[in-house]
């Protein structure tokens, strides 16, 4: 259409006799000159550019509409009572969390991998990755959660039926997807103390088409192999470029690497993502609009995302935040875990390391800082084998006001939820020194992520003074009518010292970074081929 307009305008201009003003001829009127006509080439260029602009804007509109129509959405947080768990719209100067889920559903196009009896409906999330982008866009962490991690599952509203799906005090995390991806978001919010901004749910088809759109992803194994009992992944020793079905088989294989544990499966997934990140970065995909559109077209056709991400500016915003990050600061982490006390075939969070790690995420603490910076920051930390960094949100030192009550008789208890034996001792000593001589320990309880100062009726002023003594933020104060007096609940975000405001990063929490190349995955000898 734009070309016909340009040709038509050019033909019309060409057929119009050009009128020249005779040399030295004065125009009518003493103070007026005749208006100079624009050169023909300028008219042609102007009309052509106008047509191109209209065509370009129209094309952009069509592309945007296409991408918008591709999108399948679900609620971000499906918890029955999500309170303030839903974040305000993400802002450029804020950290961003995106939960990436892989579902094993056999519904629809995924039926070739089994029947709905294997995994119906939303399926179960065999891949759970939490991507955290720091507020200054300098750091990215990608945290893997084991599929059989035993955690509290909240009551959720099903994204399909709209009915309540009741949770449990302890269930496998991957089962939360049964009520929709928003239920997995709610469970991980509760687990970590974070508030996730967005989610992406991918099925088998999405993995195949995304890897193909990228032109394949390079992987390396230390021995020729064939997963004859599972995903049927077949690879020669050394480097291979996998895409489509082969890329899916690589991510699905459960027993081919290491000792065939879920941990080795997670390592393989992290390895694949690191290689994919290197390829996307080296080819400039995130800053190349045609490439980015093609990728977005594939992604949006094969993903379920939250409503807040279901628009082009939001998608481009995520790409822009990731585009210039140094791959050395893209870290892969597996959430600290150990064997589940009720069943050795499942796992549970390992404390205090898990709580410490979640506190580091909440405070936007860098995980890939230099050893010198980490050592400097760790001076105040007492936990062996760990580093500490002072958070930027530490309250300024303000002397607590003079109490209008008798400190010596106030019923204050300290409850240890850090998973570190004896943690209450030094805190009780500080309370006693400050005049709260009636303070006592209320014992150890299961680990909790956040430190709180809970207070009962008419105890708000005492609670405020306790918070000020330990330099706890105002957000730690919570009224609780079931508490007699004041209870200082010490969480895994405060595992050492008598002043709140340090974040302890577990040693060797980072398994790898995206810039690391040259390694090959160790194949399980059972699947060797010769």
Protein backbone atom coordinates (compact mmCIF):
# COMPACT_ATOMS: atom_id res chain seq x y z
CA UNK A 1 0.00 0.00 0.00
CA UNK A 2 2.80 2.38 0.84
CA UNK A 3 4.51 1.74 -2.50
CA UNK A 4 1.36 2.47 -4.52
CA UNK A 5 0.92 5.75 -2.71
CA UNK A 6 4.51 6.75 -3.44
CA UNK A 7 4.22 5.75 -7.12
CA UNK A 8 0.93 7.58 -7.49
CA UNK A 9 2.32 10.74 -5.95
CA UNK A 10 5.45 10.54 -8.10
CA UNK A 11 3.41 10.01 -11.27
CA UNK A 12 1.18 12.95 -10.46
CA UNK A 13 4.16 15.17 -9.79
CA UNK A 14 5.88 14.03 -12.97
CA UNK A 15 2.79 14.83 -15.06
CA UNK A 16 2.45 18.36 -13.77
CA UNK A 17 4.26 20.95 -15.88
CA UNK A 18 6.90 22.70 -13.92
CA UNK A 19 6.29 26.41 -13.87
CA UNK A 20 9.39 28.59 -13.77
CA UNK A 21 9.40 32.24 -12.78
CA UNK A 22 11.07 34.18 -15.59
CA UNK A 23 14.44 35.55 -14.64
CA UNK A 24 14.32 39.07 -13.16
CA UNK A 25 10.49 39.02 -13.12
CA UNK A 26 9.13 40.71 -10.00
CA UNK A 27 6.18 39.17 -8.23
CA UNK A 28 3.01 41.17 -7.66
CA UNK A 29 3.30 43.64 -4.79
CA UNK A 30 6.28 45.66 -3.77
CA UNK A 31 7.12 43.68 -0.61
CA UNK A 32 6.37 40.10 -1.70
CA UNK A 33 8.31 37.44 -3.46
CA UNK A 34 6.80 34.42 -5.07
CA UNK A 35 6.82 31.27 -2.92
CA UNK A 36 9.62 28.92 -3.92
CA UNK A 37 8.39 25.50 -4.82
CA UNK A 38 10.01 22.45 -3.12
CA UNK A 39 12.36 20.48 -5.35
CA UNK A 40 10.78 17.40 -6.90
CA UNK A 41 13.24 15.04 -5.19
CA UNK A 42 12.23 16.43 -1.80
CA UNK A 43 8.55 15.81 -2.50
CA UNK A 44 9.24 12.27 -3.59
CA UNK A 45 11.37 11.55 -0.50
CA UNK A 46 8.79 13.11 1.81
CA UNK A 47 5.91 11.12 0.34
CA UNK A 48 7.97 7.92 0.35
CA UNK A 49 9.01 8.38 3.98
CA UNK A 50 5.44 9.18 4.99
CA UNK A 51 4.22 6.02 3.32
CA UNK A 52 6.98 3.98 4.95
CA UNK A 53 6.16 5.46 8.34
CA UNK A 54 2.47 4.61 8.00
CA UNK A 55 3.36 1.13 6.80
CA UNK A 56 5.89 0.70 9.63
CA UNK A 57 3.48 1.82 12.31
CA UNK A 58 0.79 -0.39 10.85
CA UNK A 59 3.14 -3.38 10.75
CA UNK A 60 4.25 -2.74 14.33
CA UNK A 61 0.62 -2.62 15.37
CA UNK A 62 -0.08 -5.93 13.64
CA UNK A 63 2.95 -7.55 15.30
CA UNK A 64 1.90 -6.28 18.72
CA UNK A 65 -1.65 -7.54 18.17
CA UNK A 66 -0.28 -10.92 17.06
CA UNK A 67 1.88 -11.29 20.14
CA UNK A 68 -0.96 -10.17 22.40
CA UNK A 69 -3.29 -12.74 20.82
CA UNK A 70 -0.70 -15.50 21.35
CA UNK A 71 -0.74 -15.06 25.11
CA UNK A 72 -2.42 -17.41 27.57
CA UNK A 73 -2.68 -15.94 31.06
CA UNK A 74 -3.44 -17.03 34.63
CA UNK A 75 -3.58 -15.12 37.94
CA UNK A 76 -0.21 -14.24 39.46
CA UNK A 77 -1.14 -15.26 43.00
CA UNK A 78 -3.81 -17.91 43.45
CA UNK A 79 -3.72 -18.10 47.25
CA UNK A 80 -7.20 -17.96 48.80
CA UNK A 81 -6.05 -15.15 51.09
CA UNK A 82 -3.03 -13.50 49.52
CA UNK A 83 -3.15 -10.40 51.74
CA UNK A 84 -0.38 -8.08 50.58
CA UNK A 85 1.49 -10.80 48.72
CA UNK A 86 0.70 -9.27 45.33
CA UNK A 87 3.38 -6.77 44.44
CA UNK A 88 2.62 -3.32 43.14
CA UNK A 89 3.51 -2.87 39.45
CA UNK A 90 7.22 -3.49 39.00
CA UNK A 91 9.30 -0.31 38.73
CA UNK A 92 12.60 0.09 36.86
CA UNK A 93 14.59 0.77 40.06
CA UNK A 94 13.20 -2.24 41.90
CA UNK A 95 14.42 -5.81 41.95
CA UNK A 96 12.36 -8.23 39.89
CA UNK A 97 11.50 -11.87 40.51
CA UNK A 98 10.26 -14.13 37.70
CA UNK A 99 9.27 -17.73 38.48
CA UNK A 100 9.95 -20.06 35.54
CA UNK A 101 8.03 -23.33 35.64
CA UNK A 102 8.18 -26.39 33.41
CA UNK A 103 5.08 -28.58 33.37
CA UNK A 104 4.94 -32.28 32.52
CA UNK A 105 1.31 -32.10 31.36
CA UNK A 106 0.33 -34.45 28.55
CA UNK A 107 -2.70 -32.37 27.59
CA UNK A 108 -3.11 -31.01 24.04
CA UNK A 109 -0.01 -31.07 21.83
CA UNK A 110 1.95 -32.79 24.60
CA UNK A 111 -0.06 -36.01 24.24
CA UNK A 112 2.73 -37.61 22.18
CA UNK A 113 4.78 -37.92 25.41
CA UNK A 114 2.18 -40.00 27.21
CA UNK A 115 -1.45 -39.88 28.20
CA UNK A 116 -3.31 -37.60 30.55
CA UNK A 117 -3.15 -40.46 33.03
CA UNK A 118 0.56 -39.68 33.29
CA UNK A 119 -0.09 -36.02 34.05
CA UNK A 120 -3.41 -34.32 33.37
CA UNK A 121 -4.54 -30.71 33.55
CA UNK A 122 -1.83 -28.28 34.62
CA UNK A 123 0.47 -31.21 35.37
CA UNK A 124 3.31 -31.04 37.88
CA UNK A 125 6.24 -28.65 37.76
CA UNK A 126 9.37 -30.72 37.27
CA UNK A 127 11.35 -27.51 36.69
CA UNK A 128 11.05 -24.62 39.16
CA UNK A 129 13.48 -21.75 38.68
CA UNK A 130 13.28 -18.40 40.45
CA UNK A 131 15.08 -15.67 38.49
CA UNK A 132 15.97 -12.66 40.63
CA UNK A 133 17.18 -9.51 38.84
CA UNK A 134 18.81 -6.99 41.18
CA UNK A 135 17.50 -3.45 41.45
CA UNK A 136 20.53 -2.03 39.62
CA UNK A 137 20.41 -4.76 36.94
CA UNK A 138 23.97 -5.81 37.74
CA UNK A 139 23.22 -9.28 39.18
CA UNK A 140 20.94 -12.15 38.27
CA UNK A 141 20.46 -15.29 40.35
CA UNK A 142 18.57 -18.34 39.10
CA UNK A 143 17.52 -20.57 41.97
CA UNK A 144 16.39 -24.16 41.41
CA UNK A 145 13.85 -25.77 43.74
CA UNK A 146 13.84 -29.60 43.86
CA UNK A 147 10.58 -31.07 42.59
CA UNK A 148 10.09 -33.21 45.72
CA UNK A 149 10.86 -30.44 48.24
CA UNK A 150 8.41 -30.79 51.14
CA UNK A 151 6.86 -27.42 52.05
CA UNK A 152 3.55 -25.97 53.28
CA UNK A 153 1.08 -25.72 50.37
CA UNK A 154 -1.47 -22.89 50.70
CA UNK A 155 -5.17 -23.12 49.89
CA UNK A 156 -5.56 -21.82 46.34
CA UNK A 157 -8.25 -20.91 43.84
CA UNK A 158 -7.94 -23.12 40.77
CA UNK A 159 -7.12 -21.16 37.61
CA UNK A 160 -9.30 -23.60 35.64
CA UNK A 161 -12.37 -24.33 37.77
CA UNK A 162 -12.40 -21.29 40.04
CA UNK A 163 -12.91 -23.59 43.02
CA UNK A 164 -10.78 -23.77 46.15
CA UNK A 165 -8.06 -26.44 46.14
CA UNK A 166 -7.08 -27.10 49.72
CA UNK A 167 -3.40 -27.25 50.52
CA UNK A 168 -1.53 -29.06 53.26
CA UNK A 169 0.93 -28.41 56.07
CA UNK A 170 3.51 -30.42 54.18
CA UNK A 171 3.38 -31.44 50.54
CA UNK A 172 5.63 -31.72 47.48
CA UNK A 173 6.24 -28.30 46.00
CA UNK A 174 5.75 -29.50 42.41
CA UNK A 175 2.19 -30.57 43.27
CA UNK A 176 1.12 -26.95 43.90
CA UNK A 177 0.81 -26.52 40.14
CA UNK A 178 -2.35 -28.62 40.29
CA UNK A 179 -4.21 -25.44 41.29
CA UNK A 180 -2.44 -23.38 38.64
CA UNK A 181 0.92 -21.60 38.42
CA UNK A 182 -0.34 -18.88 40.77
CA UNK A 183 -0.47 -21.47 43.55
CA UNK A 184 3.22 -22.33 43.05
CA UNK A 185 3.91 -18.58 43.17
CA UNK A 186 2.01 -18.32 46.47
CA UNK A 187 3.86 -21.30 47.97
CA UNK A 188 7.29 -19.91 47.04
CA UNK A 189 6.30 -16.43 48.27
CA UNK A 190 5.48 -17.96 51.65
CA UNK A 191 8.64 -20.05 51.62
CA UNK A 192 11.06 -17.26 50.76
CA UNK A 193 9.43 -14.08 52.08
CA UNK A 194 9.70 -12.62 48.56
CA UNK A 195 6.86 -11.31 46.44
CA UNK A 196 7.22 -12.68 42.93
CA UNK A 197 6.49 -10.22 40.10
CA UNK A 198 5.84 -12.58 37.19
CA UNK A 199 5.72 -16.22 36.18
CA UNK A 200 6.24 -18.17 32.95
CA UNK A 201 4.88 -21.71 32.57
CA UNK A 202 6.35 -23.78 29.72
CA UNK A 203 5.32 -27.20 28.46
CA UNK A 204 7.22 -29.74 26.36
CA UNK A 205 6.30 -28.00 23.10
CA UNK A 206 7.64 -24.68 24.37
CA UNK A 207 11.05 -26.19 25.13
CA UNK A 208 11.29 -27.74 21.66
CA UNK A 209 10.29 -24.65 19.73
CA UNK A 210 12.32 -22.22 21.84
CA UNK A 211 15.53 -24.24 21.42
CA UNK A 212 14.87 -24.44 17.67
CA UNK A 213 14.21 -20.69 17.42
CA UNK A 214 17.58 -20.08 19.06
CA UNK A 215 19.30 -22.29 16.50
CA UNK A 216 20.22 -24.91 19.08
CA UNK A 217 22.08 -24.90 22.39
CA UNK A 218 25.58 -26.33 22.83
CA UNK A 219 26.08 -29.05 25.44
CA UNK A 220 28.97 -31.37 26.28
CA UNK A 221 29.09 -34.84 27.85
CA UNK A 222 32.18 -36.77 28.89
CA UNK A 223 31.12 -40.06 27.28
CA UNK A 224 28.88 -41.27 24.46
CA UNK A 225 25.47 -42.07 25.94
CA UNK A 226 21.92 -43.25 25.32
CA UNK A 227 19.08 -42.87 27.85
CA UNK A 228 17.32 -46.02 26.75
CA UNK A 229 15.03 -46.13 29.81
CA UNK A 230 13.80 -42.54 29.92
CA UNK A 231 13.92 -39.60 27.53
CA UNK A 232 15.90 -41.51 24.82
CA UNK A 233 18.57 -38.83 24.75
CA UNK A 234 21.47 -39.99 22.59
CA UNK A 235 24.71 -37.96 22.45
CA UNK A 236 28.28 -38.60 21.32
CA UNK A 237 31.17 -37.74 23.63
CA UNK A 238 32.16 -34.09 23.52
CA UNK A 239 30.21 -31.09 22.22
CA UNK A 240 26.81 -31.28 20.56
CA UNK A 241 24.28 -28.71 19.37
CA UNK A 242 20.85 -29.79 20.62
CA UNK A 243 17.49 -28.41 19.59
CA UNK A 244 13.89 -29.53 19.23
CA UNK A 245 13.25 -33.07 20.45
CA UNK A 246 16.89 -33.57 21.43
CA UNK A 247 16.91 -30.43 23.61
CA UNK A 248 13.72 -31.60 25.29
CA UNK A 249 15.22 -35.05 25.88
CA UNK A 250 18.30 -33.40 27.44
CA UNK A 251 16.16 -31.48 29.93
CA UNK A 252 13.82 -34.39 30.64
CA UNK A 253 16.40 -37.11 31.28
CA UNK A 254 16.31 -38.12 34.95
CA UNK A 255 19.07 -40.70 35.27
CA UNK A 256 21.70 -39.97 32.63
CA UNK A 257 24.05 -37.75 34.62
CA UNK A 258 26.07 -38.10 37.82
CA UNK A 259 24.50 -40.47 40.31
CA UNK A 260 21.02 -40.14 38.73
CA UNK A 261 19.75 -37.97 41.58
CA UNK A 262 17.44 -34.99 41.28
CA UNK A 263 20.43 -32.79 42.15
CA UNK A 264 22.26 -33.98 39.01
CA UNK A 265 19.16 -33.35 36.95
CA UNK A 266 19.09 -29.80 38.29
CA UNK A 267 22.78 -29.40 37.43
CA UNK A 268 22.03 -30.43 33.85
CA UNK A 269 19.20 -27.91 33.65
CA UNK A 270 21.45 -25.15 35.00
CA UNK A 271 24.18 -26.18 32.55
CA UNK A 272 21.71 -25.92 29.65
CA UNK A 273 20.49 -22.48 30.78
CA UNK A 274 24.05 -21.19 31.14
CA UNK A 275 24.86 -22.30 27.61
CA UNK A 276 21.66 -20.75 26.30
CA UNK A 277 22.46 -17.45 28.06
CA UNK A 278 25.91 -17.37 26.45
CA UNK A 279 24.41 -17.91 23.01
CA UNK A 280 21.68 -15.28 23.39
CA UNK A 281 24.23 -12.76 24.67
CA UNK A 282 26.87 -13.46 22.02
CA UNK A 283 24.32 -13.06 19.23
CA UNK A 284 22.82 -9.87 20.67
CA UNK A 285 19.31 -11.36 20.63
CA UNK A 286 17.96 -9.20 23.45
CA UNK A 287 18.88 -5.96 21.68
CA UNK A 288 17.99 -7.06 18.13
CA UNK A 289 14.31 -6.26 17.60
CA UNK A 290 13.67 -8.69 14.69
CA UNK A 291 15.34 -11.53 16.60
CA UNK A 292 13.55 -10.53 19.78
CA UNK A 293 10.22 -10.49 17.98
CA UNK A 294 10.77 -13.96 16.50
CA UNK A 295 11.72 -15.25 19.94
CA UNK A 296 8.73 -13.51 21.55
CA UNK A 297 6.43 -15.04 18.93
CA UNK A 298 7.64 -18.54 19.83
CA UNK A 299 7.59 -17.81 23.55
CA UNK A 300 4.12 -16.28 23.68
CA UNK A 301 2.57 -19.14 21.67
CA UNK A 302 3.88 -21.78 24.03
CA UNK A 303 3.78 -20.19 27.49
CA UNK A 304 1.23 -19.37 30.11
CA UNK A 305 2.14 -16.10 31.83
CA UNK A 306 0.62 -13.81 34.43
CA UNK A 307 -1.61 -10.91 33.36
CA UNK A 308 1.00 -8.32 34.35
CA UNK A 309 3.48 -9.76 31.84
CA UNK A 310 0.90 -10.14 29.08
CA UNK A 311 1.80 -6.96 27.22
CA UNK A 312 4.64 -6.07 24.90
CA UNK A 313 6.16 -3.25 27.02
CA UNK A 314 6.42 -5.60 30.00
CA UNK A 315 8.12 -8.30 27.93
CA UNK A 316 10.54 -5.80 26.40
CA UNK A 317 11.16 -4.42 29.90
CA UNK A 318 12.36 -7.82 31.13
CA UNK A 319 14.56 -8.22 28.04
CA UNK A 320 16.07 -4.76 28.54
CA UNK A 321 16.93 -5.55 32.15
CA UNK A 322 18.74 -8.71 31.11
CA UNK A 323 20.42 -7.39 27.97
CA UNK A 324 23.61 -5.90 29.43
CA UNK A 325 24.25 -8.05 32.49
CA UNK A 326 27.75 -9.50 32.78
CA UNK A 327 27.46 -13.29 32.48
CA UNK A 328 29.94 -13.62 35.36
CA UNK A 329 27.24 -12.11 37.57
CA UNK A 330 24.54 -14.55 36.44
CA UNK A 331 24.66 -17.17 39.19
CA UNK A 332 22.98 -20.58 39.37
CA UNK A 333 21.94 -21.75 42.82
CA UNK A 334 20.15 -24.78 44.21
CA UNK A 335 18.16 -23.96 47.31
CA UNK A 336 19.88 -25.57 50.35
CA UNK A 337 18.16 -28.85 51.19
CA UNK A 338 18.60 -32.12 53.04
CA UNK A 339 16.77 -35.44 53.37
CA UNK A 340 13.18 -35.04 54.56
CA UNK A 341 12.74 -36.26 58.12
CA UNK A 342 9.56 -38.13 57.20
CA UNK A 343 10.83 -39.85 54.04
CA UNK A 344 14.42 -40.14 52.81
CA UNK A 345 13.16 -40.18 49.22
CA UNK A 346 12.07 -36.56 49.56
CA UNK A 347 13.87 -33.43 50.73
CA UNK A 348 13.29 -30.45 53.00
CA UNK A 349 14.96 -27.06 53.39
CA UNK A 350 18.29 -27.19 55.17
CA UNK A 351 18.44 -24.59 57.91
CA UNK A 352 19.81 -22.12 58.69
CA UNK A 353 21.37 -21.99 55.21
CA UNK A 354 18.06 -21.80 53.32
CA UNK A 355 16.75 -18.97 55.49
CA UNK A 356 20.05 -17.12 55.18
CA UNK A 357 19.92 -17.45 51.41
CA UNK A 358 16.32 -16.20 51.23
CA UNK A 359 17.28 -13.22 53.39
CA UNK A 360 20.08 -12.46 50.93
CA UNK A 361 17.57 -12.49 48.07
CA UNK A 362 15.15 -10.24 49.96
CA UNK A 363 17.89 -7.71 50.67
CA UNK A 364 19.19 -7.81 47.07
CA UNK A 365 22.59 -8.98 48.29
CA UNK A 366 25.01 -9.84 45.50
CA UNK A 367 26.06 -13.48 45.39
CA UNK A 368 29.04 -13.03 43.06
CA UNK A 369 30.97 -10.21 44.76
CA UNK A 370 34.76 -10.48 44.87
CA UNK A 371 36.36 -12.41 47.71
CA UNK A 372 37.93 -9.22 49.08
CA UNK A 373 34.60 -7.40 49.27
CA UNK A 374 32.94 -10.44 50.84
CA UNK A 375 35.68 -10.75 53.45
CA UNK A 376 35.39 -7.07 54.36
CA UNK A 377 31.64 -7.39 54.73
CA UNK A 378 31.93 -10.57 56.82
CA UNK A 379 33.78 -9.01 59.74
CA UNK A 380 30.67 -8.86 61.83
CA UNK A 381 29.53 -12.39 61.01
CA UNK A 382 30.11 -15.19 63.50
CA UNK A 383 28.70 -18.08 61.51
CA UNK A 384 31.56 -20.39 60.44
CA UNK A 385 32.00 -20.86 56.73
CA UNK A 386 29.88 -17.86 55.74
CA UNK A 387 30.20 -14.29 54.56
CA UNK A 388 28.10 -11.35 55.60
CA UNK A 389 27.08 -8.16 53.91
CA UNK A 390 25.48 -5.17 55.57
CA UNK A 391 22.14 -4.38 53.96
CA UNK A 392 21.45 -0.92 52.63
CA UNK A 393 18.15 -0.87 54.48
CA UNK A 394 19.63 -1.03 57.97
CA UNK A 395 17.92 1.61 60.13
CA UNK A 396 20.05 4.51 61.30
CA UNK A 397 21.28 4.23 64.84
CA UNK A 398 18.74 5.97 67.03
CA UNK A 399 18.86 5.73 70.81
CA UNK A 400 15.62 4.24 72.18
CA UNK A 401 13.45 6.72 74.05
CA UNK A 402 13.30 6.67 77.82
CA UNK A 403 10.69 4.11 78.79
CA UNK A 404 7.56 5.25 80.60
CA UNK A 405 7.31 1.89 82.35
CA UNK A 406 9.34 -0.38 84.59
CA UNK A 407 11.59 -2.41 82.29
CA UNK A 408 12.45 -4.91 85.00
CA UNK A 409 8.97 -6.38 85.15
CA UNK A 410 8.09 -6.57 81.44
CA UNK A 411 7.27 -10.12 80.23
CA UNK A 412 9.60 -10.55 77.26
CA UNK A 413 10.45 -13.90 75.70
CA UNK A 414 12.98 -14.82 73.04
CA UNK A 415 12.06 -17.67 70.71
CA UNK A 416 14.81 -19.17 68.57
CA UNK A 417 13.70 -19.97 64.99
CA UNK A 418 17.18 -19.82 63.43
CA UNK A 419 18.04 -23.54 63.56
CA UNK A 420 21.22 -22.54 65.42
CA UNK A 421 21.42 -23.95 68.93
CA UNK A 422 21.95 -21.37 71.66
CA UNK A 423 21.10 -18.37 69.49
CA UNK A 424 18.91 -16.85 72.23
CA UNK A 425 21.70 -16.59 74.81
CA UNK A 426 23.44 -13.42 73.61
CA UNK A 427 20.11 -11.72 72.86
CA UNK A 428 18.84 -12.40 76.38
CA UNK A 429 22.10 -10.97 77.75
CA UNK A 430 21.55 -7.78 75.73
CA UNK A 431 17.98 -7.46 76.99
CA UNK A 432 19.13 -7.88 80.58
CA UNK A 433 21.88 -5.28 80.16
CA UNK A 434 19.28 -2.87 78.76
CA UNK A 435 17.15 -3.30 81.90
CA UNK A 436 14.70 -5.97 80.71
CA UNK A 437 15.81 -8.30 83.48
CA UNK A 438 12.66 -10.44 83.45
CA UNK A 439 13.32 -11.65 79.90
CA UNK A 440 13.49 -15.40 79.35
CA UNK A 441 13.82 -17.98 76.60
CA UNK A 442 10.74 -19.69 75.20
CA UNK A 443 12.77 -22.40 73.50
CA UNK A 444 13.65 -23.43 69.97
CA UNK A 445 11.06 -23.83 67.22
CA UNK A 446 11.11 -24.79 63.56
CA UNK A 447 13.10 -22.39 61.41
CA UNK A 448 11.34 -19.30 60.12
CA UNK A 449 12.65 -16.89 57.53
CA UNK A 450 11.81 -13.55 59.12
CA UNK A 451 12.52 -12.07 62.54
CA UNK A 452 9.46 -10.57 64.22
CA UNK A 453 8.61 -8.69 67.39
CA UNK A 454 5.14 -9.87 68.36
CA UNK A 455 3.27 -8.03 71.08
CA UNK A 456 0.01 -8.36 72.97
CA UNK A 457 -2.48 -5.84 74.31
CA UNK A 458 -1.03 -2.54 75.62
CA UNK A 459 2.53 -3.66 74.84
CA UNK A 460 3.20 -1.68 71.66
CA UNK A 461 5.58 0.74 73.41
CA UNK A 462 7.63 -2.06 74.98
CA UNK A 463 7.80 -3.87 71.63
CA UNK A 464 8.99 -0.69 69.92
CA UNK A 465 11.77 -0.32 72.47
CA UNK A 466 12.86 -3.94 72.00
CA UNK A 467 12.94 -3.40 68.22
CA UNK A 468 14.99 -0.20 68.68
CA UNK A 469 17.44 -1.97 71.00
CA UNK A 470 18.30 -4.54 68.33
CA UNK A 471 17.90 -2.08 65.42
CA UNK A 472 15.08 -4.08 63.88
CA UNK A 473 13.05 -2.35 61.14
CA UNK A 474 9.50 -1.12 61.92
CA UNK A 475 8.12 -3.83 59.64
CA UNK A 476 9.20 -6.44 62.21
CA UNK A 477 6.62 -5.17 64.71
CA UNK A 478 3.35 -7.11 64.63
CA UNK A 479 0.39 -7.03 66.99
CA UNK A 480 -0.68 -10.50 68.14
CA UNK A 481 -3.47 -10.82 70.72
CA UNK A 482 -2.38 -14.40 71.53
CA UNK A 483 0.95 -13.14 72.92
CA UNK A 484 1.29 -12.19 76.56
CA UNK A 485 3.78 -9.35 76.73
CA UNK A 486 6.38 -9.28 73.93
CA UNK A 487 7.88 -12.17 71.96
CA UNK A 488 11.11 -11.70 69.99
CA UNK A 489 10.95 -14.40 67.32
CA UNK A 490 14.46 -14.68 65.87
CA UNK A 491 14.46 -15.94 62.27
CA UNK A 492 17.09 -17.20 59.89
CA UNK A 493 17.56 -13.66 58.55
CA UNK A 494 19.42 -12.84 61.80
CA UNK A 495 21.74 -15.68 62.73
CA UNK A 496 24.52 -13.80 64.50
CA UNK A 497 25.28 -10.67 66.50
CA UNK A 498 23.06 -8.48 68.65
CA UNK A 499 22.19 -5.95 65.97
CA UNK A 500 19.94 -6.74 63.03
CA UNK A 501 21.18 -5.62 59.63
CA UNK A 502 23.65 -8.20 58.41
CA UNK A 503 22.89 -10.80 55.78
CA UNK A 504 24.75 -14.09 55.97
CA UNK A 505 25.38 -15.76 52.60
CA UNK A 506 26.01 -19.52 52.93
CA UNK A 507 29.41 -20.60 51.73
CA UNK A 508 29.59 -21.98 48.17
CA UNK A 509 25.90 -21.25 47.58
CA UNK A 510 26.64 -20.45 43.92
CA UNK A 511 26.96 -23.69 41.93
CA UNK A 512 28.12 -21.99 38.72
CA UNK A 513 27.91 -18.79 36.70
CA UNK A 514 26.77 -18.30 33.11
CA UNK A 515 30.22 -17.29 31.87
CA UNK A 516 31.77 -20.65 32.77
CA UNK A 517 32.52 -22.69 29.65
CA UNK A 518 34.50 -25.76 28.70
CA UNK A 519 33.06 -28.23 31.19
CA UNK A 520 31.32 -31.46 30.27
CA UNK A 521 28.58 -33.22 32.21
CA UNK A 522 29.56 -36.55 33.75
CA UNK A 523 27.48 -39.37 32.27
CA UNK A 524 26.08 -42.12 34.49
CA UNK A 525 28.04 -45.26 33.45
CA UNK A 526 24.80 -47.24 33.20
CA UNK A 527 24.01 -45.27 30.03
CA UNK A 528 27.41 -45.49 28.32
CA UNK A 529 27.47 -46.48 24.65
CA UNK A 530 30.54 -47.55 22.70
